[in-house]
């Protein structure tokens, strides 16, 4: 019996992808090979194939997304949405001879950790060819019915999973816990004289935030603050993520990503068009993470300061 594996698709798999697509879909839903190449280059963790030996039995193409807009067929998308709040499943296809073997189910199961790694709990897709019942078994809820392309009837569907953390605007009682966390974290120290914000600064920002955004994160059902971020709104179109922290034991569990997703929603509600941040160039993990949220590296600066108080 040939082994069954789920693997990240590569450009050499495109011809097999096109075979599966042709077998699974009516002609109006066929996308060109270049589209699949772009999706693999854009976000390869969301492009998975189910193989029996060397034969591709099914595939799924997905990516981080933002908002509720449907991605059209053969869309020319060249970058990940900045601070995505949605995980979009664009295409799930299985060969007719391999159906009823759980191929589609196992591909979807393999996507869940990918979305969780981005802190995303909301999923969206377009169901075609009567696939609504399959997606409903996963908890997807049917939304609007519309014509997808060439007279093909489709249903926009959405799934909202339970988030493991609760993110909220910081209040006065959060100041001391945040200050304690900040003072014990060595990465916040930028010089001998500046280790973290002053406690009075935090209190002032919480009591009078103005346009600034101060968020804290707690586990569902728990009172303990395990993460926080401070974002300064510089103008009507620009904001700077000034500070961002998750306790070490809660990292890689979606806490930080959920903070960023929450920040994204608040900034977009205010019409903010650009978000910037500074990152320690020695923090390779952070430098690897930020591009996954649509932030790209720009200029590199040195840190300078001067003590004005004698």
Protein backbone atom coordinates (compact mmCIF):
# COMPACT_ATOMS: atom_id res chain seq x y z
CA UNK A 1 0.00 0.00 0.00
CA UNK A 2 1.39 3.40 -0.99
CA UNK A 3 2.04 5.89 1.79
CA UNK A 4 -0.28 8.89 2.21
CA UNK A 5 1.29 12.23 3.07
CA UNK A 6 0.33 15.88 3.22
CA UNK A 7 3.09 18.12 1.91
CA UNK A 8 3.62 21.77 1.09
CA UNK A 9 3.17 22.17 -2.66
CA UNK A 10 6.05 23.42 -4.79
CA UNK A 11 6.25 24.80 -8.29
CA UNK A 12 7.08 21.35 -9.67
CA UNK A 13 3.63 20.15 -8.53
CA UNK A 14 1.72 22.62 -10.71
CA UNK A 15 1.06 20.16 -13.54
CA UNK A 16 -0.48 17.71 -11.06
CA UNK A 17 -2.52 20.51 -9.51
CA UNK A 18 -3.96 21.35 -12.92
CA UNK A 19 -4.90 17.69 -13.46
CA UNK A 20 -6.77 17.55 -10.15
CA UNK A 21 -8.47 20.89 -10.84
CA UNK A 22 -9.69 19.74 -14.27
CA UNK A 23 -11.04 16.52 -12.77
CA UNK A 24 -12.82 18.30 -9.90
CA UNK A 25 -14.33 21.45 -11.42
CA UNK A 26 -16.52 22.55 -14.27
CA UNK A 27 -14.76 24.57 -16.94
CA UNK A 28 -15.94 27.99 -15.69
CA UNK A 29 -14.00 27.48 -12.43
CA UNK A 30 -10.66 26.55 -13.96
CA UNK A 31 -7.71 28.78 -13.06
CA UNK A 32 -4.46 28.99 -15.02
CA UNK A 33 -1.19 27.49 -13.80
CA UNK A 34 0.39 30.90 -13.25
CA UNK A 35 -2.24 31.66 -10.59
CA UNK A 36 -1.20 28.64 -8.54
CA UNK A 37 2.46 29.57 -8.95
CA UNK A 38 1.71 33.02 -7.53
CA UNK A 39 -0.14 31.52 -4.57
CA UNK A 40 2.78 29.25 -3.71
CA UNK A 41 5.22 32.15 -3.89
CA UNK A 42 2.88 34.38 -1.88
CA UNK A 43 2.16 32.04 1.04
CA UNK A 44 3.50 28.52 0.66
CA UNK A 45 2.39 27.29 4.15
CA UNK A 46 -1.22 27.59 2.93
CA UNK A 47 -0.64 25.52 -0.23
CA UNK A 48 -0.89 21.84 0.68
CA UNK A 49 -1.20 18.64 -1.31
CA UNK A 50 -2.44 15.17 -0.34
CA UNK A 51 -0.19 12.57 -1.96
CA UNK A 52 -0.54 8.83 -2.30
CA UNK A 53 3.01 7.89 -3.10
CA UNK A 54 3.92 10.44 -5.77
CA UNK A 55 0.34 10.91 -7.00
CA UNK A 56 -1.50 14.07 -6.00
CA UNK A 57 -5.04 13.16 -4.92
CA UNK A 58 -6.14 16.57 -3.66
CA UNK A 59 -4.94 20.03 -2.78
CA UNK A 60 -5.87 23.17 -0.91
CA UNK A 61 -4.75 26.76 -1.56
CA UNK A 62 -5.28 29.33 1.19
CA UNK A 63 -3.82 32.55 2.55
CA UNK A 64 -4.17 35.23 5.22
CA UNK A 65 -6.71 37.87 4.19
CA UNK A 66 -8.50 40.89 5.56
CA UNK A 67 -12.17 41.89 5.64
CA UNK A 68 -15.01 40.21 3.76
CA UNK A 69 -14.14 40.69 0.12
CA UNK A 70 -14.17 37.55 -2.01
CA UNK A 71 -10.97 36.72 -3.89
CA UNK A 72 -11.88 36.31 -7.58
CA UNK A 73 -10.55 33.54 -9.78
CA UNK A 74 -7.10 34.17 -11.25
CA UNK A 75 -6.66 37.16 -8.93
CA UNK A 76 -3.28 38.86 -9.23
CA UNK A 77 -2.42 39.17 -5.52
CA UNK A 78 1.22 39.98 -4.88
CA UNK A 79 1.40 40.52 -1.12
CA UNK A 80 -0.16 39.36 2.13
CA UNK A 81 -2.76 41.70 3.63
CA UNK A 82 -1.19 43.81 6.37
CA UNK A 83 -2.24 42.52 9.81
CA UNK A 84 -4.75 39.98 8.42
CA UNK A 85 -7.90 39.22 10.42
CA UNK A 86 -9.17 36.35 8.27
CA UNK A 87 -7.89 33.08 6.87
CA UNK A 88 -9.19 32.60 3.34
CA UNK A 89 -9.57 29.09 1.88
CA UNK A 90 -9.57 29.78 -1.84
CA UNK A 91 -9.58 26.33 -3.38
CA UNK A 92 -10.04 22.78 -2.10
CA UNK A 93 -10.16 20.06 -4.77
CA UNK A 94 -10.03 16.25 -4.69
CA UNK A 95 -9.88 13.78 -7.56
CA UNK A 96 -13.23 12.05 -8.15
CA UNK A 97 -11.65 8.64 -7.61
CA UNK A 98 -10.35 9.70 -4.18
CA UNK A 99 -13.55 11.12 -2.74
CA UNK A 100 -15.09 9.52 0.37
CA UNK A 101 -11.57 8.76 1.60
CA UNK A 102 -11.28 11.78 3.88
CA UNK A 103 -8.81 13.61 1.67
CA UNK A 104 -10.62 16.95 1.90
CA UNK A 105 -11.12 16.60 5.65
CA UNK A 106 -7.43 15.90 6.27
CA UNK A 107 -6.36 18.85 4.12
CA UNK A 108 -8.63 21.21 6.08
CA UNK A 109 -7.33 19.79 9.38
CA UNK A 110 -3.80 20.57 8.23
CA UNK A 111 -4.75 24.21 7.61
CA UNK A 112 -5.93 24.91 11.15
CA UNK A 113 -2.42 25.10 12.70
CA UNK A 114 -1.35 27.43 9.89
CA UNK A 115 -4.14 29.88 10.77
CA UNK A 116 -3.48 29.49 14.49
CA UNK A 117 0.18 30.39 13.95
CA UNK A 118 -1.08 33.77 12.71
CA UNK A 119 -3.52 34.23 15.60
CA UNK A 120 -6.44 34.17 13.17
CA UNK A 121 -9.75 32.69 14.33
CA UNK A 122 -12.01 33.75 11.45
CA UNK A 123 -12.16 31.72 8.24
CA UNK A 124 -13.86 32.56 4.97
CA UNK A 125 -14.43 30.78 1.65
CA UNK A 126 -16.69 30.52 -1.37
CA UNK A 127 -18.58 27.22 -1.71
CA UNK A 128 -19.35 26.03 -5.24
CA UNK A 129 -20.79 22.93 -6.91
CA UNK A 130 -22.98 22.10 -3.90
CA UNK A 131 -20.13 21.88 -1.38
CA UNK A 132 -21.97 23.91 1.28
CA UNK A 133 -22.90 20.80 3.27
CA UNK A 134 -19.24 19.72 3.51
CA UNK A 135 -18.23 23.09 4.93
CA UNK A 136 -21.18 23.17 7.31
CA UNK A 137 -19.79 20.04 9.00
CA UNK A 138 -16.82 22.22 9.99
CA UNK A 139 -19.10 24.89 11.44
CA UNK A 140 -19.04 27.25 8.47
CA UNK A 141 -22.19 29.36 8.28
CA UNK A 142 -23.71 30.22 4.87
CA UNK A 143 -23.87 33.90 4.03
CA UNK A 144 -24.79 35.62 0.82
CA UNK A 145 -25.55 33.65 -2.34
CA UNK A 146 -24.14 35.15 -5.51
CA UNK A 147 -22.89 34.40 -9.00
CA UNK A 148 -19.18 33.66 -8.72
CA UNK A 149 -18.18 33.51 -12.38
CA UNK A 150 -19.75 32.52 -15.68
CA UNK A 151 -23.17 31.81 -14.18
CA UNK A 152 -21.77 29.55 -11.43
CA UNK A 153 -23.87 29.79 -8.28
CA UNK A 154 -21.86 30.20 -5.08
CA UNK A 155 -22.26 30.80 -1.35
CA UNK A 156 -19.95 32.92 0.75
CA UNK A 157 -19.34 31.09 4.05
CA UNK A 158 -17.65 31.99 7.30
CA UNK A 159 -16.39 30.26 10.44
CA UNK A 160 -15.57 32.06 13.70
CA UNK A 161 -13.57 29.92 16.11
CA UNK A 162 -13.23 30.56 19.84
CA UNK A 163 -10.13 32.65 20.54
CA UNK A 164 -7.87 31.41 23.38
CA UNK A 165 -7.18 34.94 24.64
CA UNK A 166 -9.27 38.02 25.38
CA UNK A 167 -7.87 41.34 24.17
CA UNK A 168 -9.17 44.58 25.71
CA UNK A 169 -8.29 48.24 26.09
CA UNK A 170 -6.03 48.72 29.11
CA UNK A 171 -7.59 50.22 32.26
CA UNK A 172 -6.05 51.84 35.33
CA UNK A 173 -5.74 48.58 37.28
CA UNK A 174 -3.61 47.16 34.44
CA UNK A 175 -0.83 49.73 34.90
CA UNK A 176 1.09 47.99 37.69
CA UNK A 177 1.06 44.51 36.07
CA UNK A 178 2.17 45.96 32.73
CA UNK A 179 4.90 48.03 34.39
CA UNK A 180 6.19 44.96 36.27
CA UNK A 181 6.30 42.89 33.09
CA UNK A 182 8.06 45.65 31.21
CA UNK A 183 10.71 46.23 33.87
CA UNK A 184 11.65 42.54 34.02
CA UNK A 185 11.97 42.12 30.25
CA UNK A 186 15.57 42.84 29.14
CA UNK A 187 14.64 43.41 25.48
CA UNK A 188 12.88 46.67 26.42
CA UNK A 189 16.10 48.22 27.68
CA UNK A 190 17.35 50.61 25.00
CA UNK A 191 20.05 52.30 27.12
CA UNK A 192 21.34 52.45 30.68
CA UNK A 193 18.88 55.23 31.45
CA UNK A 194 15.83 53.85 29.63
CA UNK A 195 14.65 50.41 30.68
CA UNK A 196 10.92 50.81 30.03
CA UNK A 197 8.21 53.42 30.26
CA UNK A 198 7.82 55.25 33.55
CA UNK A 199 4.89 54.09 35.66
CA UNK A 200 3.47 57.63 35.56
CA UNK A 201 3.61 57.55 31.74
CA UNK A 202 1.58 54.34 31.62
CA UNK A 203 -0.97 55.74 34.05
CA UNK A 204 -1.35 58.92 32.05
CA UNK A 205 -1.79 57.04 28.78
CA UNK A 206 -4.42 54.76 30.32
CA UNK A 207 -6.36 57.61 31.91
CA UNK A 208 -6.04 59.90 28.88
CA UNK A 209 -5.24 57.73 25.86
CA UNK A 210 -6.27 60.31 23.30
CA UNK A 211 -5.87 58.67 19.91
CA UNK A 212 -3.37 56.12 21.21
CA UNK A 213 -4.21 52.43 21.61
CA UNK A 214 -3.15 50.43 24.68
CA UNK A 215 -4.21 46.78 24.65
CA UNK A 216 -3.76 43.93 27.12
CA UNK A 217 -4.31 40.21 26.63
CA UNK A 218 -5.57 37.61 29.11
CA UNK A 219 -6.35 33.90 28.71
CA UNK A 220 -10.05 33.18 28.39
CA UNK A 221 -11.40 32.88 31.94
CA UNK A 222 -8.18 34.11 33.54
CA UNK A 223 -7.40 37.50 35.17
CA UNK A 224 -3.64 37.49 34.56
CA UNK A 225 -2.19 39.82 31.90
CA UNK A 226 0.04 37.78 29.62
CA UNK A 227 0.64 40.29 26.82
CA UNK A 228 0.27 43.95 25.90
CA UNK A 229 0.96 46.47 23.16
CA UNK A 230 1.11 50.27 22.86
CA UNK A 231 0.41 51.96 19.55
CA UNK A 232 0.86 55.70 19.07
CA UNK A 233 -1.31 57.44 16.48
CA UNK A 234 0.97 60.01 14.87
CA UNK A 235 -1.48 61.59 12.44
CA UNK A 236 -4.80 60.97 10.71
CA UNK A 237 -3.17 58.33 8.48
CA UNK A 238 -0.11 56.99 10.35
CA UNK A 239 0.49 55.02 13.55
CA UNK A 240 3.56 53.50 15.20
CA UNK A 241 3.53 50.24 17.12
CA UNK A 242 5.73 51.42 19.97
CA UNK A 243 5.81 48.40 22.27
CA UNK A 244 4.70 44.80 22.02
CA UNK A 245 5.20 41.98 24.53
CA UNK A 246 4.03 38.45 25.36
CA UNK A 247 5.20 36.48 28.38
CA UNK A 248 7.58 33.72 27.33
CA UNK A 249 5.38 30.83 28.50
CA UNK A 250 2.52 32.13 26.33
CA UNK A 251 4.50 32.61 23.14
CA UNK A 252 3.73 30.43 20.11
CA UNK A 253 0.16 30.10 21.35
CA UNK A 254 -1.40 32.92 19.33
CA UNK A 255 -1.42 35.60 22.03
CA UNK A 256 0.83 38.08 20.23
CA UNK A 257 -0.84 37.46 16.91
CA UNK A 258 -4.27 38.06 18.44
CA UNK A 259 -3.05 41.37 19.86
CA UNK A 260 -1.91 42.41 16.37
CA UNK A 261 -5.20 41.33 14.78
CA UNK A 262 -7.11 43.38 17.37
CA UNK A 263 -4.85 46.37 16.75
CA UNK A 264 -5.45 46.04 13.01
CA UNK A 265 -9.22 46.24 13.44
CA UNK A 266 -9.00 49.34 15.64
CA UNK A 267 -6.63 51.15 13.28
CA UNK A 268 -8.74 50.41 10.21
CA UNK A 269 -11.87 51.63 12.00
CA UNK A 270 -10.09 54.98 12.41
CA UNK A 271 -9.01 55.12 8.79
CA UNK A 272 -5.31 54.70 9.57
CA UNK A 273 -3.49 53.84 6.35
CA UNK A 274 0.05 53.03 7.56
CA UNK A 275 1.54 51.24 10.54
CA UNK A 276 5.26 51.34 11.35
CA UNK A 277 7.34 49.72 14.06
CA UNK A 278 10.96 49.39 15.16
CA UNK A 279 12.52 45.96 15.64
CA UNK A 280 15.81 44.95 17.21
CA UNK A 281 17.84 43.64 14.26
CA UNK A 282 19.39 41.00 16.55
CA UNK A 283 15.94 39.53 17.27
CA UNK A 284 15.81 37.10 14.33
CA UNK A 285 12.53 35.53 15.47
CA UNK A 286 10.78 38.89 15.40
CA UNK A 287 12.27 39.76 12.02
CA UNK A 288 10.94 36.48 10.64
CA UNK A 289 7.49 36.97 12.16
CA UNK A 290 6.69 40.53 11.09
CA UNK A 291 6.66 39.87 7.31
CA UNK A 292 4.02 37.19 7.86
CA UNK A 293 1.76 40.01 9.00
CA UNK A 294 2.43 42.14 5.95
CA UNK A 295 5.12 44.37 7.52
CA UNK A 296 8.21 44.78 5.36
CA UNK A 297 11.64 45.96 6.46
CA UNK A 298 12.52 49.51 5.44
CA UNK A 299 15.33 51.69 6.78
CA UNK A 300 17.70 50.60 9.54
CA UNK A 301 18.41 53.09 12.33
CA UNK A 302 20.79 53.35 15.27
CA UNK A 303 19.51 54.31 18.72
CA UNK A 304 20.85 57.59 20.17
CA UNK A 305 19.84 59.31 23.39
CA UNK A 306 21.05 62.01 25.76
CA UNK A 307 20.37 62.62 29.45
CA UNK A 308 18.98 66.16 29.75
CA UNK A 309 18.56 66.03 33.52
CA UNK A 310 21.75 66.87 35.45
